[in-house]
Amino acid sequence: MNPIAFKGLFIGFGGDLPIRSKYRALVDLQFGLFPSASQPTSATGSINSASQVRFYLGGTYEYAPRLSFRAGLDIMSQNADFSGGESLSQTSINFAPAVVYFF
């Protein structure tokens, strides 16, 4: 396998859903619109099709009016199908905690 670069425009929807007075859920779902993949050499054949999907699920706790804590799970999946029948799938799972302070 050679290095592969995925690119494309994403379209999606999401929301910030209140659960209790200081708790909120964050949800985001994005799909690759016109996804493509490329590689520097074509040792495995040309790439017929590519797909990309991204999903984020997290939560926020408002500690003070200008200070909040945020954490979430970010999942991104990319796939490419080659002309020789081979297929490549890559999934990235990230956990991202943060402290947010508004000036």
PDB file of N, CA and C in Angstrom:
ATOM      1  N   MET A   1       0.839  -1.187   0.000  1.00  0.00           N
ATOM      2  CA  MET A   1       0.000   0.000   0.000  1.00  0.00           C
ATOM      3  C   MET A   1       0.872   1.234   0.000  1.00  0.00           C
ATOM      4  N   ASN A   2       0.410   2.219  -0.688  1.00  0.00           N
ATOM      5  CA  ASN A   2       1.064   3.519  -0.751  1.00  0.00           C
ATOM      6  C   ASN A   2       0.261   4.530   0.055  1.00  0.00           C
ATOM      7  N   PRO A   3       0.845   5.682   0.379  1.00  0.00           N
ATOM      8  CA  PRO A   3       0.077   6.717   1.076  1.00  0.00           C
ATOM      9  C   PRO A   3      -1.119   7.166   0.236  1.00  0.00           C
ATOM     10  N   ILE A   4      -2.216   7.397   0.892  1.00  0.00           N
ATOM     11  CA  ILE A   4      -3.437   7.845   0.217  1.00  0.00           C
ATOM     12  C   ILE A   4      -3.917   9.123   0.889  1.00  0.00           C
ATOM     13  N   ALA A   5      -4.315  10.087   0.071  1.00  0.00           N
ATOM     14  CA  ALA A   5      -4.863  11.355   0.576  1.00  0.00           C
ATOM     15  C   ALA A   5      -6.356  11.395   0.271  1.00  0.00           C
ATOM     16  N   PHE A   6      -7.161  11.636   1.293  1.00  0.00           N
ATOM     17  CA  PHE A   6      -8.604  11.786   1.141  1.00  0.00           C
ATOM     18  C   PHE A   6      -8.940  13.263   1.185  1.00  0.00           C
ATOM     19  N   LYS A   7      -9.863  13.693   0.347  1.00  0.00           N
ATOM     20  CA  LYS A   7     -10.322  15.076   0.399  1.00  0.00           C
ATOM     21  C   LYS A   7     -11.761  15.147  -0.082  1.00  0.00           C
ATOM     22  N   GLY A   8     -12.430  16.224   0.291  1.00  0.00           N
ATOM     23  CA  GLY A   8     -13.813  16.411  -0.100  1.00  0.00           C
ATOM     24  C   GLY A   8     -14.481  17.467   0.749  1.00  0.00           C
ATOM     25  N   LEU A   9     -15.658  17.797   0.374  1.00  0.00           N
ATOM     26  CA  LEU A   9     -16.476  18.772   1.069  1.00  0.00           C
ATOM     27  C   LEU A   9     -17.445  18.022   1.968  1.00  0.00           C
ATOM     28  N   PHE A  10     -17.599  18.475   3.196  1.00  0.00           N
ATOM     29  CA  PHE A  10     -18.509  17.812   4.134  1.00  0.00           C
ATOM     30  C   PHE A  10     -19.813  18.599   4.257  1.00  0.00           C
ATOM     31  N   ILE A  11     -20.890  17.871   4.387  1.00  0.00           N
ATOM     32  CA  ILE A  11     -22.195  18.458   4.682  1.00  0.00           C
ATOM     33  C   ILE A  11     -22.756  17.670   5.861  1.00  0.00           C
ATOM     34  N   GLY A  12     -23.387  18.371   6.782  1.00  0.00           N
ATOM     35  CA  GLY A  12     -23.863  17.661   7.960  1.00  0.00           C
ATOM     36  C   GLY A  12     -24.861  18.465   8.760  1.00  0.00           C
ATOM     37  N   PHE A  13     -25.223  17.891   9.878  1.00  0.00           N
ATOM     38  CA  PHE A  13     -26.141  18.549  10.793  1.00  0.00           C
ATOM     39  C   PHE A  13     -25.754  18.155  12.209  1.00  0.00           C
ATOM     40  N   GLY A  14     -26.126  18.999  13.140  1.00  0.00           N
ATOM     41  CA  GLY A  14     -25.791  18.740  14.532  1.00  0.00           C
ATOM     42  C   GLY A  14     -26.602  19.631  15.433  1.00  0.00           C
ATOM     43  N   GLY A  15     -26.352  19.469  16.716  1.00  0.00           N
ATOM     44  CA  GLY A  15     -27.103  20.274  17.662  1.00  0.00           C
ATOM     45  C   GLY A  15     -26.492  20.285  19.045  1.00  0.00           C
ATOM     46  N   ASP A  16     -26.917  21.250  19.801  1.00  0.00           N
ATOM     47  CA  ASP A  16     -26.542  21.431  21.190  1.00  0.00           C
ATOM     48  C   ASP A  16     -27.830  21.273  21.983  1.00  0.00           C
ATOM     49  N   LEU A  17     -28.006  20.125  22.616  1.00  0.00           N
ATOM     50  CA  LEU A  17     -29.277  19.788  23.260  1.00  0.00           C
ATOM     51  C   LEU A  17     -29.201  19.956  24.773  1.00  0.00           C
ATOM     52  N   PRO A  18     -30.043  20.805  25.372  1.00  0.00           N
ATOM     53  CA  PRO A  18     -30.029  20.948  26.827  1.00  0.00           C
ATOM     54  C   PRO A  18     -30.602  19.704  27.506  1.00  0.00           C
ATOM     55  N   ILE A  19     -29.926  19.251  28.565  1.00  0.00           N
ATOM     56  CA  ILE A  19     -30.384  18.075  29.316  1.00  0.00           C
ATOM     57  C   ILE A  19     -30.918  18.520  30.674  1.00  0.00           C
ATOM     58  N   ARG A  20     -30.107  19.273  31.405  1.00  0.00           N
ATOM     59  CA  ARG A  20     -30.503  19.885  32.672  1.00  0.00           C
ATOM     60  C   ARG A  20     -30.017  21.319  32.658  1.00  0.00           C
ATOM     61  N   SER A  21     -30.128  22.002  33.772  1.00  0.00           N
ATOM     62  CA  SER A  21     -29.782  23.423  33.792  1.00  0.00           C
ATOM     63  C   SER A  21     -28.332  23.695  33.400  1.00  0.00           C
ATOM     64  N   LYS A  22     -27.394  22.840  33.773  1.00  0.00           N
ATOM     65  CA  LYS A  22     -25.986  23.082  33.475  1.00  0.00           C
ATOM     66  C   LYS A  22     -25.371  22.048  32.543  1.00  0.00           C
ATOM     67  N   TYR A  23     -26.141  21.090  32.098  1.00  0.00           N
ATOM     68  CA  TYR A  23     -25.631  20.023  31.237  1.00  0.00           C
ATOM     69  C   TYR A  23     -26.234  20.121  29.840  1.00  0.00           C
ATOM     70  N   ARG A  24     -25.390  19.880  28.817  1.00  0.00           N
ATOM     71  CA  ARG A  24     -25.849  19.861  27.424  1.00  0.00           C
ATOM     72  C   ARG A  24     -25.181  18.717  26.690  1.00  0.00           C
ATOM     73  N   ALA A  25     -25.875  18.158  25.728  1.00  0.00           N
ATOM     74  CA  ALA A  25     -25.314  17.117  24.864  1.00  0.00           C
ATOM     75  C   ALA A  25     -24.988  17.741  23.506  1.00  0.00           C
ATOM     76  N   LEU A  26     -23.864  17.352  22.942  1.00  0.00           N
ATOM     77  CA  LEU A  26     -23.432  17.842  21.636  1.00  0.00           C
ATOM     78  C   LEU A  26     -23.440  16.668  20.661  1.00  0.00           C
ATOM     79  N   VAL A  27     -24.109  16.845  19.534  1.00  0.00           N
ATOM     80  CA  VAL A  27     -24.209  15.791  18.520  1.00  0.00           C
ATOM     81  C   VAL A  27     -23.921  16.412  17.160  1.00  0.00           C
ATOM     82  N   ASP A  28     -23.118  15.712  16.345  1.00  0.00           N
ATOM     83  CA  ASP A  28     -22.778  16.199  15.010  1.00  0.00           C
ATOM     84  C   ASP A  28     -22.562  15.003  14.090  1.00  0.00           C
ATOM     85  N   LEU A  29     -23.176  15.023  12.922  1.00  0.00           N
ATOM     86  CA  LEU A  29     -23.036  13.974  11.918  1.00  0.00           C
ATOM     87  C   LEU A  29     -22.739  14.633  10.585  1.00  0.00           C
ATOM     88  N   GLN A  30     -21.636  14.222   9.936  1.00  0.00           N
ATOM     89  CA  GLN A  30     -21.225  14.824   8.672  1.00  0.00           C
ATOM     90  C   GLN A  30     -20.948  13.729   7.643  1.00  0.00           C
ATOM     91  N   PHE A  31     -21.327  14.002   6.405  1.00  0.00           N
ATOM     92  CA  PHE A  31     -21.092  13.088   5.295  1.00  0.00           C
ATOM     93  C   PHE A  31     -20.229  13.790   4.255  1.00  0.00           C
ATOM     94  N   GLY A  32     -19.326  13.027   3.642  1.00  0.00           N
ATOM     95  CA  GLY A  32     -18.487  13.576   2.589  1.00  0.00           C
ATOM     96  C   GLY A  32     -19.293  13.774   1.317  1.00  0.00           C
ATOM     97  N   LEU A  33     -19.327  14.993   0.843  1.00  0.00           N
ATOM     98  CA  LEU A  33     -20.014  15.324  -0.397  1.00  0.00           C
ATOM     99  C   LEU A  33     -18.937  15.457  -1.476  1.00  0.00           C
ATOM    100  N   PHE A  34     -19.035  14.703  -2.537  1.00  0.00           N
ATOM    101  CA  PHE A  34     -18.003  14.630  -3.583  1.00  0.00           C
ATOM    102  C   PHE A  34     -16.656  14.184  -3.010  1.00  0.00           C
ATOM    103  N   PRO A  35     -16.609  13.076  -2.259  1.00  0.00           N
ATOM    104  CA  PRO A  35     -15.325  12.637  -1.704  1.00  0.00           C
ATOM    105  C   PRO A  35     -14.419  12.079  -2.803  1.00  0.00           C
ATOM    106  N   SER A  36     -13.123  12.220  -2.598  1.00  0.00           N
ATOM    107  CA  SER A  36     -12.153  11.658  -3.531  1.00  0.00           C
ATOM    108  C   SER A  36     -10.930  11.217  -2.755  1.00  0.00           C
ATOM    109  N   ALA A  37     -10.152  10.355  -3.379  1.00  0.00           N
ATOM    110  CA  ALA A  37      -8.907   9.872  -2.796  1.00  0.00           C
ATOM    111  C   ALA A  37      -7.864   9.825  -3.897  1.00  0.00           C
ATOM    112  N   SER A  38      -6.616  10.047  -3.531  1.00  0.00           N
ATOM    113  CA  SER A  38      -5.532   9.988  -4.503  1.00  0.00           C
ATOM    114  C   SER A  38      -4.302   9.412  -3.833  1.00  0.00           C
ATOM    115  N   GLN A  39      -3.400   8.856  -4.654  1.00  0.00           N
ATOM    116  CA  GLN A  39      -2.139   8.327  -4.159  1.00  0.00           C
ATOM    117  C   GLN A  39      -1.037   8.705  -5.143  1.00  0.00           C
ATOM    118  N   PRO A  40       0.210   8.852  -4.656  1.00  0.00           N
ATOM    119  CA  PRO A  40       1.278   9.323  -5.535  1.00  0.00           C
ATOM    120  C   PRO A  40       1.632   8.340  -6.656  1.00  0.00           C
ATOM    121  N   THR A  41       1.557   7.055  -6.397  1.00  0.00           N
ATOM    122  CA  THR A  41       1.818   6.058  -7.430  1.00  0.00           C
ATOM    123  C   THR A  41       0.623   5.136  -7.536  1.00  0.00           C
ATOM    124  N   SER A  42       0.443   4.510  -8.670  1.00  0.00           N
ATOM    125  CA  SER A  42      -0.727   3.642  -8.860  1.00  0.00           C
ATOM    126  C   SER A  42      -0.325   2.175  -8.862  1.00  0.00           C
ATOM    127  N   ALA A  43       0.481   1.744  -7.876  1.00  0.00           N
ATOM    128  CA  ALA A  43       0.915   0.352  -7.796  1.00  0.00           C
ATOM    129  C   ALA A  43      -0.254  -0.587  -7.536  1.00  0.00           C
ATOM    130  N   THR A  44      -1.286  -0.114  -6.849  1.00  0.00           N
ATOM    131  CA  THR A  44      -2.443  -0.957  -6.545  1.00  0.00           C
ATOM    132  C   THR A  44      -3.600  -0.708  -7.506  1.00  0.00           C
ATOM    133  N   GLY A  45      -3.405   0.094  -8.531  1.00  0.00           N
ATOM    134  CA  GLY A  45      -4.475   0.411  -9.466  1.00  0.00           C
ATOM    135  C   GLY A  45      -5.107   1.745  -9.149  1.00  0.00           C
ATOM    136  N   SER A  46      -6.000   2.156 -10.016  1.00  0.00           N
ATOM    137  CA  SER A  46      -6.657   3.442  -9.796  1.00  0.00           C
ATOM    138  C   SER A  46      -7.766   3.309  -8.752  1.00  0.00           C
ATOM    139  N   ILE A  47      -8.129   4.427  -8.170  1.00  0.00           N
ATOM    140  CA  ILE A  47      -9.172   4.449  -7.143  1.00  0.00           C
ATOM    141  C   ILE A  47     -10.504   4.713  -7.828  1.00  0.00           C
ATOM    142  N   ASN A  48     -11.434   3.766  -7.698  1.00  0.00           N
ATOM    143  CA  ASN A  48     -12.760   3.897  -8.314  1.00  0.00           C
ATOM    144  C   ASN A  48     -13.685   4.799  -7.521  1.00  0.00           C
ATOM    145  N   SER A  49     -13.737   4.609  -6.199  1.00  0.00           N
ATOM    146  CA  SER A  49     -14.666   5.398  -5.385  1.00  0.00           C
ATOM    147  C   SER A  49     -14.094   5.600  -3.987  1.00  0.00           C
ATOM    148  N   ALA A  50     -14.588   6.614  -3.315  1.00  0.00           N
ATOM    149  CA  ALA A  50     -14.177   6.925  -1.948  1.00  0.00           C
ATOM    150  C   ALA A  50     -15.393   7.395  -1.161  1.00  0.00           C
ATOM    151  N   SER A  51     -15.337   7.226   0.153  1.00  0.00           N
ATOM    152  CA  SER A  51     -16.423   7.712   1.009  1.00  0.00           C
ATOM    153  C   SER A  51     -15.845   8.180   2.336  1.00  0.00           C
ATOM    154  N   GLN A  52     -16.531   9.145   2.962  1.00  0.00           N
ATOM    155  CA  GLN A  52     -16.110   9.705   4.240  1.00  0.00           C
ATOM    156  C   GLN A  52     -17.332   9.988   5.106  1.00  0.00           C
ATOM    157  N   VAL A  53     -17.230   9.636   6.394  1.00  0.00           N
ATOM    158  CA  VAL A  53     -18.302   9.902   7.360  1.00  0.00           C
ATOM    159  C   VAL A  53     -17.645  10.318   8.671  1.00  0.00           C
ATOM    160  N   ARG A  54     -18.243  11.300   9.351  1.00  0.00           N
ATOM    161  CA  ARG A  54     -17.733  11.762  10.636  1.00  0.00           C
ATOM    162  C   ARG A  54     -18.891  11.896  11.616  1.00  0.00           C
ATOM    163  N   PHE A  55     -18.675  11.444  12.863  1.00  0.00           N
ATOM    164  CA  PHE A  55     -19.697  11.490  13.905  1.00  0.00           C
ATOM    165  C   PHE A  55     -19.061  11.979  15.200  1.00  0.00           C
ATOM    166  N   TYR A  56     -19.717  12.919  15.871  1.00  0.00           N
ATOM    167  CA  TYR A  56     -19.241  13.452  17.142  1.00  0.00           C
ATOM    168  C   TYR A  56     -20.370  13.387  18.159  1.00  0.00           C
ATOM    169  N   LEU A  57     -20.061  12.869  19.343  1.00  0.00           N
ATOM    170  CA  LEU A  57     -21.017  12.810  20.442  1.00  0.00           C
ATOM    171  C   LEU A  57     -20.285  13.248  21.698  1.00  0.00           C
ATOM    172  N   GLY A  58     -20.811  14.260  22.363  1.00  0.00           N
ATOM    173  CA  GLY A  58     -20.137  14.772  23.545  1.00  0.00           C
ATOM    174  C   GLY A  58     -21.093  15.463  24.495  1.00  0.00           C
ATOM    175  N   GLY A  59     -20.522  16.052  25.507  1.00  0.00           N
ATOM    176  CA  GLY A  59     -21.316  16.743  26.505  1.00  0.00           C
ATOM    177  C   GLY A  59     -20.579  17.942  27.066  1.00  0.00           C
ATOM    178  N   THR A  60     -21.344  18.863  27.651  1.00  0.00           N
ATOM    179  CA  THR A  60     -20.794  20.079  28.242  1.00  0.00           C
ATOM    180  C   THR A  60     -21.409  20.279  29.621  1.00  0.00           C
ATOM    181  N   TYR A  61     -20.570  20.679  30.576  1.00  0.00           N
ATOM    182  CA  TYR A  61     -21.037  21.038  31.905  1.00  0.00           C
ATOM    183  C   TYR A  61     -20.629  22.489  32.154  1.00  0.00           C
ATOM    184  N   GLU A  62     -21.607  23.352  32.444  1.00  0.00           N
ATOM    185  CA  GLU A  62     -21.332  24.762  32.703  1.00  0.00           C
ATOM    186  C   GLU A  62     -21.067  24.939  34.199  1.00  0.00           C
ATOM    187  N   TYR A  63     -19.787  25.100  34.539  1.00  0.00           N
ATOM    188  CA  TYR A  63     -19.371  25.231  35.927  1.00  0.00           C
ATOM    189  C   TYR A  63     -19.707  26.608  36.484  1.00  0.00           C
ATOM    190  N   ALA A  64     -19.457  27.627  35.687  1.00  0.00           N
ATOM    191  CA  ALA A  64     -19.734  29.014  36.046  1.00  0.00           C
ATOM    192  C   ALA A  64     -20.252  29.706  34.785  1.00  0.00           C
ATOM    193  N   PRO A  65     -20.782  30.938  34.898  1.00  0.00           N
ATOM    194  CA  PRO A  65     -21.316  31.596  33.698  1.00  0.00           C
ATOM    195  C   PRO A  65     -20.318  31.714  32.543  1.00  0.00           C
ATOM    196  N   ARG A  66     -19.014  31.819  32.822  1.00  0.00           N
ATOM    197  CA  ARG A  66     -18.026  31.965  31.749  1.00  0.00           C
ATOM    198  C   ARG A  66     -17.060  30.790  31.660  1.00  0.00           C
ATOM    199  N   LEU A  67     -17.288  29.713  32.415  1.00  0.00           N
ATOM    200  CA  LEU A  67     -16.389  28.568  32.436  1.00  0.00           C
ATOM    201  C   LEU A  67     -17.180  27.277  32.273  1.00  0.00           C
ATOM    202  N   SER A  68     -16.768  26.465  31.327  1.00  0.00           N
ATOM    203  CA  SER A  68     -17.443  25.182  31.135  1.00  0.00           C
ATOM    204  C   SER A  68     -16.425  24.097  30.794  1.00  0.00           C
ATOM    205  N   PHE A  69     -16.819  22.860  31.042  1.00  0.00           N
ATOM    206  CA  PHE A  69     -15.999  21.693  30.731  1.00  0.00           C
ATOM    207  C   PHE A  69     -16.689  20.912  29.624  1.00  0.00           C
ATOM    208  N   ARG A  70     -15.907  20.460  28.663  1.00  0.00           N
ATOM    209  CA  ARG A  70     -16.460  19.776  27.493  1.00  0.00           C
ATOM    210  C   ARG A  70     -15.649  18.510  27.216  1.00  0.00           C
ATOM    211  N   ALA A  71     -16.326  17.443  26.829  1.00  0.00           N
ATOM    212  CA  ALA A  71     -15.659  16.203  26.439  1.00  0.00           C
ATOM    213  C   ALA A  71     -16.498  15.531  25.362  1.00  0.00           C
ATOM    214  N   GLY A  72     -15.822  14.841  24.456  1.00  0.00           N
ATOM    215  CA  GLY A  72     -16.572  14.194  23.390  1.00  0.00           C
ATOM    216  C   GLY A  72     -15.787  13.110  22.689  1.00  0.00           C
ATOM    217  N   LEU A  73     -16.502  12.282  21.983  1.00  0.00           N
ATOM    218  CA  LEU A  73     -15.954  11.185  21.204  1.00  0.00           C
ATOM    219  C   LEU A  73     -16.140  11.521  19.729  1.00  0.00           C
ATOM    220  N   ASP A  74     -15.037  11.596  18.982  1.00  0.00           N
ATOM    221  CA  ASP A  74     -15.051  11.960  17.573  1.00  0.00           C
ATOM    222  C   ASP A  74     -14.633  10.743  16.756  1.00  0.00           C
ATOM    223  N   ILE A  75     -15.502  10.273  15.862  1.00  0.00           N
ATOM    224  CA  ILE A  75     -15.243   9.088  15.043  1.00  0.00           C
ATOM    225  C   ILE A  75     -15.276   9.497  13.578  1.00  0.00           C
ATOM    226  N   MET A  76     -14.186   9.201  12.852  1.00  0.00           N
ATOM    227  CA  MET A  76     -14.124   9.508  11.426  1.00  0.00           C
ATOM    228  C   MET A  76     -13.744   8.246  10.675  1.00  0.00           C
ATOM    229  N   SER A  77     -14.499   7.947   9.605  1.00  0.00           N
ATOM    230  CA  SER A  77     -14.255   6.757   8.800  1.00  0.00           C
ATOM    231  C   SER A  77     -14.069   7.157   7.341  1.00  0.00           C
ATOM    232  N   GLN A  78     -13.035   6.583   6.703  1.00  0.00           N
ATOM    233  CA  GLN A  78     -12.744   6.855   5.297  1.00  0.00           C
ATOM    234  C   GLN A  78     -12.533   5.525   4.589  1.00  0.00           C
ATOM    235  N   ASN A  79     -13.081   5.390   3.384  1.00  0.00           N
ATOM    236  CA  ASN A  79     -12.966   4.159   2.603  1.00  0.00           C
ATOM    237  C   ASN A  79     -12.592   4.484   1.167  1.00  0.00           C
ATOM    238  N   ALA A  80     -11.840   3.579   0.535  1.00  0.00           N
ATOM    239  CA  ALA A  80     -11.486   3.718  -0.882  1.00  0.00           C
ATOM    240  C   ALA A  80     -11.553   2.335  -1.535  1.00  0.00           C
ATOM    241  N   ASP A  81     -12.138   2.266  -2.717  1.00  0.00           N
ATOM    242  CA  ASP A  81     -12.212   1.032  -3.500  1.00  0.00           C
ATOM    243  C   ASP A  81     -11.340   1.184  -4.738  1.00  0.00           C
ATOM    244  N   PHE A  82     -10.500   0.176  -5.001  1.00  0.00           N
ATOM    245  CA  PHE A  82      -9.563   0.211  -6.118  1.00  0.00           C
ATOM    246  C   PHE A  82     -10.094  -0.581  -7.307  1.00  0.00           C
ATOM    247  N   SER A  83      -9.519  -0.322  -8.476  1.00  0.00           N
ATOM    248  CA  SER A  83      -9.970  -0.976  -9.707  1.00  0.00           C
ATOM    249  C   SER A  83      -9.661  -2.475  -9.708  1.00  0.00           C
ATOM    250  N   GLY A  84      -8.658  -2.922  -8.968  1.00  0.00           N
ATOM    251  CA  GLY A  84      -8.310  -4.344  -8.920  1.00  0.00           C
ATOM    252  C   GLY A  84      -9.151  -5.138  -7.943  1.00  0.00           C
ATOM    253  N   GLY A  85     -10.133  -4.528  -7.304  1.00  0.00           N
ATOM    254  CA  GLY A  85     -10.991  -5.223  -6.345  1.00  0.00           C
ATOM    255  C   GLY A  85     -10.581  -5.034  -4.896  1.00  0.00           C
ATOM    256  N   GLU A  86      -9.439  -4.416  -4.647  1.00  0.00           N
ATOM    257  CA  GLU A  86      -9.005  -4.172  -3.273  1.00  0.00           C
ATOM    258  C   GLU A  86      -9.819  -3.041  -2.658  1.00  0.00           C
ATOM    259  N   SER A  87      -9.840  -3.041  -1.338  1.00  0.00           N
ATOM    260  CA  SER A  87     -10.566  -2.012  -0.611  1.00  0.00           C
ATOM    261  C   SER A  87      -9.743  -1.589   0.603  1.00  0.00           C
ATOM    262  N   LEU A  88      -9.773  -0.309   0.930  1.00  0.00           N
ATOM    263  CA  LEU A  88      -9.055   0.229   2.072  1.00  0.00           C
ATOM    264  C   LEU A  88     -10.048   0.948   2.969  1.00  0.00           C
ATOM    265  N   SER A  89     -10.003   0.627   4.270  1.00  0.00           N
ATOM    266  CA  SER A  89     -10.868   1.292   5.255  1.00  0.00           C
ATOM    267  C   SER A  89     -10.003   1.813   6.391  1.00  0.00           C
ATOM    268  N   GLN A  90     -10.294   3.025   6.831  1.00  0.00           N
ATOM    269  CA  GLN A  90      -9.575   3.635   7.940  1.00  0.00           C
ATOM    270  C   GLN A  90     -10.592   4.284   8.856  1.00  0.00           C
ATOM    271  N   THR A  91     -10.503   3.976  10.145  1.00  0.00           N
ATOM    272  CA  THR A  91     -11.381   4.583  11.133  1.00  0.00           C
ATOM    273  C   THR A  91     -10.526   5.181  12.244  1.00  0.00           C
ATOM    274  N   SER A  92     -10.807   6.427  12.576  1.00  0.00           N
ATOM    275  CA  SER A  92     -10.089   7.124  13.625  1.00  0.00           C
ATOM    276  C   SER A  92     -11.073   7.454  14.742  1.00  0.00           C
ATOM    277  N   ILE A  93     -10.733   7.064  15.979  1.00  0.00           N
ATOM    278  CA  ILE A  93     -11.578   7.330  17.143  1.00  0.00           C
ATOM    279  C   ILE A  93     -10.768   8.179  18.116  1.00  0.00           C
ATOM    280  N   ASN A  94     -11.288   9.366  18.445  1.00  0.00           N
ATOM    281  CA  ASN A  94     -10.584  10.304  19.319  1.00  0.00           C
ATOM    282  C   ASN A  94     -11.477  10.717  20.481  1.00  0.00           C
ATOM    283  N   PHE A  95     -10.875  10.852  21.651  1.00  0.00           N
ATOM    284  CA  PHE A  95     -11.556  11.403  22.812  1.00  0.00           C
ATOM    285  C   PHE A  95     -10.932  12.766  23.083  1.00  0.00           C
ATOM    286  N   ALA A  96     -11.751  13.806  23.158  1.00  0.00           N
ATOM    287  CA  ALA A  96     -11.238  15.174  23.261  1.00  0.00           C
ATOM    288  C   ALA A  96     -11.862  15.917  24.438  1.00  0.00           C
ATOM    289  N   PRO A  97     -11.175  15.977  25.601  1.00  0.00           N
ATOM    290  CA  PRO A  97     -11.660  16.811  26.704  1.00  0.00           C
ATOM    291  C   PRO A  97     -11.158  18.246  26.544  1.00  0.00           C
ATOM    292  N   ALA A  98     -11.903  19.208  27.082  1.00  0.00           N
ATOM    293  CA  ALA A  98     -11.505  20.611  26.970  1.00  0.00           C
ATOM    294  C   ALA A  98     -12.089  21.424  28.120  1.00  0.00           C
ATOM    295  N   VAL A  99     -11.404  22.510  28.436  1.00  0.00           N
ATOM    296  CA  VAL A  99     -11.899  23.520  29.359  1.00  0.00           C
ATOM    297  C   VAL A  99     -12.124  24.770  28.529  1.00  0.00           C
ATOM    298  N   VAL A 100     -13.332  25.321  28.579  1.00  0.00           N
ATOM    299  CA  VAL A 100     -13.693  26.488  27.760  1.00  0.00           C
ATOM    300  C   VAL A 100     -13.942  27.669  28.691  1.00  0.00           C
ATOM    301  N   TYR A 101     -13.179  28.763  28.452  1.00  0.00           N
ATOM    302  CA  TYR A 101     -13.352  29.980  29.237  1.00  0.00           C
ATOM    303  C   TYR A 101     -13.692  31.106  28.275  1.00  0.00           C
ATOM    304  N   PHE A 102     -14.799  31.771  28.497  1.00  0.00           N
ATOM    305  CA  PHE A 102     -15.242  32.876  27.653  1.00  0.00           C
ATOM    306  C   PHE A 102     -14.750  34.193  28.237  1.00  0.00           C
ATOM    307  N   PHE A 103     -14.066  35.008  27.426  1.00  0.00           N
ATOM    308  CA  PHE A 103     -13.534  36.295  27.863  1.00  0.00           C
ATOM    309  C   PHE A 103     -14.594  37.361  27.835  1.00  0.00           C
TER     310      PHE A 103
END
